[in-house]
C-alpha cells in the first residue's frame, strides 16, 4: 500500500507541475539517453528539481535522484514523504557544525549505486539579481571522485516567477528546462578553472545569453 501511495503522489506532482508551468525540456547539444549523468542547474526555488525530474523521459526519471538540503525536506512529515519516499532525494546537512556525513561521500555513494543526480552548485537559492551565485567547490570534488560520469548543465527558466519567495499561491507561467552539452573534468584541470568552465556552460543556456 505504501508503494502505491508513493506512485500516486509522484504522478500527481508530475501532472501538477505540467499543469502549472506547461514545462518543456529543450535538449541542446545533448540527447535524452539512459546513461548515468550528473545534471547541474541554477537554483531559484525549492521546486527546481521537480521540473528537471518532470521533463526527463520516464525511463530516466526514476533512476535520477535530486540532492537537497535536509533542513528543508525533513522539516515536516509531508516534506519528508515527498523528499525521501517520492523523489528518493540524497539529503545533505548544510550545517557544517551539525554535519555527521560528508556530502561528497553521500553523492558518490548514490552514483556508485547506479543513480544519476540533480545538483545545484550554487548551494542555496539565488534571490539576487545576478544570474548565478558563485559555484561551491562540491561540483569539482564530485567530478573528481567520479570522472567517468558526465556533467550536463540544465538551465531552469521562469520558475522563480511561478513561486516567488515568500508567496504561497503559485502563478501559472510557462517554464523551460534547457539541457546543454555534457562536460567532464579535464586532466590536471584546477578547481578554479573547472568551476569557471562549468558556470559558463550553464550561463550559456540562459535566455539572456541567447537573446538576439
Protein backbone atom coordinates (compact mmCIF):
# COMPACT_ATOMS: atom_id res chain seq x y z
CA UNK A 1 0.00 0.00 0.00
CA UNK A 2 2.87 2.39 0.84
CA UNK A 3 4.37 1.86 -2.62
CA UNK A 4 1.01 2.65 -4.20
CA UNK A 5 0.82 5.95 -2.31
CA UNK A 6 4.36 6.81 -3.45
CA UNK A 7 3.50 6.16 -7.11
CA UNK A 8 0.26 8.13 -6.81
CA UNK A 9 2.00 11.09 -5.18
CA UNK A 10 4.70 11.10 -7.85
CA UNK A 11 2.09 11.07 -10.62
CA UNK A 12 0.10 13.88 -9.00
CA UNK A 13 3.21 16.04 -8.57
CA UNK A 14 4.21 15.40 -12.18
CA UNK A 15 0.78 16.39 -13.54
CA UNK A 16 0.54 19.42 -11.24
CA UNK A 17 3.96 20.66 -12.38
CA UNK A 18 2.97 20.24 -16.02
CA UNK A 19 -0.42 21.89 -15.48
CA UNK A 20 1.03 24.87 -13.61
CA UNK A 21 4.09 25.53 -15.75
CA UNK A 22 3.50 23.72 -19.07
CA UNK A 23 7.16 22.84 -18.60
CA UNK A 24 9.07 21.58 -21.59
CA UNK A 25 12.57 20.23 -21.93
CA UNK A 26 14.96 21.52 -24.59
CA UNK A 27 17.92 19.29 -25.38
CA UNK A 28 20.68 21.44 -26.89
CA UNK A 29 23.93 19.66 -27.64
CA UNK A 30 22.82 16.56 -25.76
CA UNK A 31 20.07 13.99 -26.21
CA UNK A 32 18.00 12.27 -23.52
CA UNK A 33 19.74 8.96 -23.00
CA UNK A 34 19.59 6.24 -20.38
CA UNK A 35 23.16 6.79 -19.21
CA UNK A 36 24.39 7.83 -15.80
CA UNK A 37 24.69 11.60 -15.52
CA UNK A 38 25.08 14.45 -13.07
CA UNK A 39 22.64 17.20 -14.01
CA UNK A 40 23.66 20.55 -12.51
CA UNK A 41 21.31 23.51 -12.59
CA UNK A 42 20.63 27.05 -11.45
CA UNK A 43 18.70 27.28 -8.20
CA UNK A 44 15.89 29.79 -7.55
CA UNK A 45 13.12 27.67 -5.99
CA UNK A 46 12.53 24.57 -3.91
CA UNK A 47 10.64 23.24 -6.94
CA UNK A 48 13.65 23.34 -9.27
CA UNK A 49 14.44 19.64 -9.16
CA UNK A 50 10.75 18.81 -9.69
CA UNK A 51 10.84 20.49 -13.12
CA UNK A 52 14.00 18.65 -14.15
CA UNK A 53 12.51 15.36 -12.94
CA UNK A 54 9.28 16.12 -14.82
CA UNK A 55 10.89 16.68 -18.23
CA UNK A 56 13.14 13.63 -18.06
CA UNK A 57 11.85 10.62 -20.00
CA UNK A 58 10.13 8.13 -17.72
CA UNK A 59 12.85 5.50 -18.07
CA UNK A 60 15.38 8.05 -16.78
CA UNK A 61 13.22 9.79 -14.20
CA UNK A 62 13.20 7.07 -11.57
CA UNK A 63 16.94 6.49 -11.87
CA UNK A 64 17.68 10.16 -11.12
CA UNK A 65 17.93 11.42 -7.53
CA UNK A 66 17.92 15.09 -6.53
CA UNK A 67 20.43 16.34 -3.99
CA UNK A 68 18.70 18.63 -1.49
CA UNK A 69 19.04 20.20 1.94
CA UNK A 70 17.86 18.01 4.81
CA UNK A 71 16.96 21.10 6.86
CA UNK A 72 14.10 21.81 4.43
CA UNK A 73 12.96 18.33 3.40
CA UNK A 74 12.93 16.84 6.90
CA UNK A 75 11.04 19.76 8.41
CA UNK A 76 7.60 18.13 8.31
CA UNK A 77 6.06 14.72 7.71
CA UNK A 78 4.73 15.78 4.28
CA UNK A 79 8.08 17.16 3.12
CA UNK A 80 9.84 14.04 4.39
CA UNK A 81 7.41 11.84 2.43
CA UNK A 82 7.89 13.85 -0.78
CA UNK A 83 11.66 14.24 -0.45
CA UNK A 84 12.56 10.79 0.84
CA UNK A 85 9.84 8.47 -0.45
CA UNK A 86 8.64 10.05 -3.69
CA UNK A 87 11.90 11.52 -5.01
CA UNK A 88 14.41 9.38 -3.09
CA UNK A 89 16.49 12.52 -2.58
CA UNK A 90 20.06 12.47 -1.34
CA UNK A 91 19.59 14.71 1.69
CA UNK A 92 22.57 16.81 2.70
CA UNK A 93 23.09 18.54 6.04
CA UNK A 94 24.17 22.04 5.01
CA UNK A 95 25.23 22.97 8.56
CA UNK A 96 28.91 22.14 8.92
CA UNK A 97 28.64 22.23 12.71
CA UNK A 98 25.98 19.51 12.93
CA UNK A 99 27.02 17.50 9.88
CA UNK A 100 27.92 13.87 10.51
CA UNK A 101 28.24 12.71 6.88
CA UNK A 102 30.48 14.02 4.12
CA UNK A 103 28.19 15.35 1.34
CA UNK A 104 30.61 14.28 -1.41
CA UNK A 105 30.70 10.77 0.05
CA UNK A 106 26.89 10.69 0.13
CA UNK A 107 26.63 11.75 -3.52
CA UNK A 108 29.42 9.41 -4.60
CA UNK A 109 27.68 6.53 -2.85
CA UNK A 110 24.49 7.28 -4.81
CA UNK A 111 26.48 7.36 -8.05
CA UNK A 112 28.23 4.12 -7.14
CA UNK A 113 24.80 2.54 -6.70
CA UNK A 114 23.97 3.45 -10.31
CA UNK A 115 21.83 6.56 -9.82
CA UNK A 116 22.07 9.80 -11.75
CA UNK A 117 21.98 13.02 -9.72
CA UNK A 118 20.47 16.50 -9.88
CA UNK A 119 22.70 19.01 -8.07
CA UNK A 120 22.67 22.77 -7.52
CA UNK A 121 26.27 24.06 -7.37
CA UNK A 122 25.24 27.48 -6.01
CA UNK A 123 24.45 25.69 -2.75
CA UNK A 124 21.39 27.79 -1.94
CA UNK A 125 18.55 29.53 -3.75
CA UNK A 126 19.58 32.61 -5.71
CA UNK A 127 17.37 35.53 -4.66
CA UNK A 128 19.67 38.21 -6.11
CA UNK A 129 19.60 39.98 -9.47
CA UNK A 130 22.73 38.10 -10.57
CA UNK A 131 22.05 35.22 -12.97
CA UNK A 132 24.07 32.83 -10.80
CA UNK A 133 25.69 32.78 -7.40
CA UNK A 134 29.35 31.65 -7.31
CA UNK A 135 29.60 27.88 -7.53
CA UNK A 136 30.62 25.98 -4.41
CA UNK A 137 33.53 23.57 -4.65
CA UNK A 138 31.32 20.48 -4.31
CA UNK A 139 30.78 20.11 -8.06
CA UNK A 140 34.55 19.94 -8.60
CA UNK A 141 35.05 17.35 -5.87
CA UNK A 142 32.16 15.26 -7.20
CA UNK A 143 33.58 15.38 -10.73
CA UNK A 144 36.98 14.40 -9.32
CA UNK A 145 35.50 11.48 -7.36
CA UNK A 146 33.65 10.10 -10.40
CA UNK A 147 35.38 11.46 -13.54
CA UNK A 148 33.66 8.79 -15.64
CA UNK A 149 30.21 10.35 -15.12
CA UNK A 150 29.36 13.23 -17.46
CA UNK A 151 28.01 16.52 -16.13
CA UNK A 152 25.07 18.01 -18.01
CA UNK A 153 24.18 21.69 -17.43
CA UNK A 154 20.45 22.42 -17.13
CA UNK A 155 19.06 25.95 -17.13
CA UNK A 156 15.65 26.35 -15.48
CA UNK A 157 13.77 29.42 -16.70
CA UNK A 158 10.80 31.20 -15.08
CA UNK A 159 10.19 29.01 -12.01
CA UNK A 160 11.28 31.80 -9.65
CA UNK A 161 8.37 33.85 -11.04
CA UNK A 162 5.91 30.97 -10.70
CA UNK A 163 6.60 30.71 -6.99
CA UNK A 164 8.32 33.89 -5.73
CA UNK A 165 10.00 33.61 -2.35
CA UNK A 166 7.52 34.20 0.47
CA UNK A 167 4.44 33.56 -1.68
CA UNK A 168 2.08 30.64 -1.14
CA UNK A 169 -0.08 30.86 -4.26
CA UNK A 170 1.76 29.88 -7.47
CA UNK A 171 1.37 31.95 -10.62
CA UNK A 172 0.87 29.88 -13.82
CA UNK A 173 3.70 30.63 -16.26
CA UNK A 174 5.40 28.62 -18.98
CA UNK A 175 8.76 27.23 -17.84
CA UNK A 176 11.57 25.57 -19.74
CA UNK A 177 14.49 23.37 -18.79
CA UNK A 178 17.33 23.62 -21.30
CA UNK A 179 19.97 20.89 -21.23
CA UNK A 180 23.40 21.64 -22.67
CA UNK A 181 26.37 19.69 -23.95
CA UNK A 182 27.98 17.40 -21.35
CA UNK A 183 31.37 18.12 -19.87
CA UNK A 184 33.96 16.30 -17.79
CA UNK A 185 36.81 17.29 -15.53
CA UNK A 186 39.91 17.56 -17.71
CA UNK A 187 43.23 16.06 -16.70
CA UNK A 188 45.14 18.40 -14.36
CA UNK A 189 42.33 20.99 -14.54
CA UNK A 190 42.30 23.19 -11.46
CA UNK A 191 39.24 23.67 -9.29
CA UNK A 192 39.01 27.34 -10.26
CA UNK A 193 39.23 26.62 -13.99
CA UNK A 194 36.73 23.77 -13.85
CA UNK A 195 34.15 25.73 -11.88
CA UNK A 196 34.53 28.71 -14.22
CA UNK A 197 34.03 26.43 -17.23
CA UNK A 198 31.01 24.70 -15.68
CA UNK A 199 29.47 28.04 -14.72
CA UNK A 200 30.00 29.44 -18.22
CA UNK A 201 28.41 26.33 -19.79
CA UNK A 202 25.31 26.80 -17.63
CA UNK A 203 25.05 30.54 -18.23
CA UNK A 204 25.29 29.98 -21.98
CA UNK A 205 21.91 28.20 -21.82
CA UNK A 206 20.08 31.14 -20.21
CA UNK A 207 17.57 33.15 -22.29
CA UNK A 208 19.58 36.34 -21.79
CA UNK A 209 22.69 34.71 -23.22
CA UNK A 210 20.71 33.61 -26.27
CA UNK A 211 18.75 36.83 -26.81
CA UNK A 212 19.32 38.33 -30.21
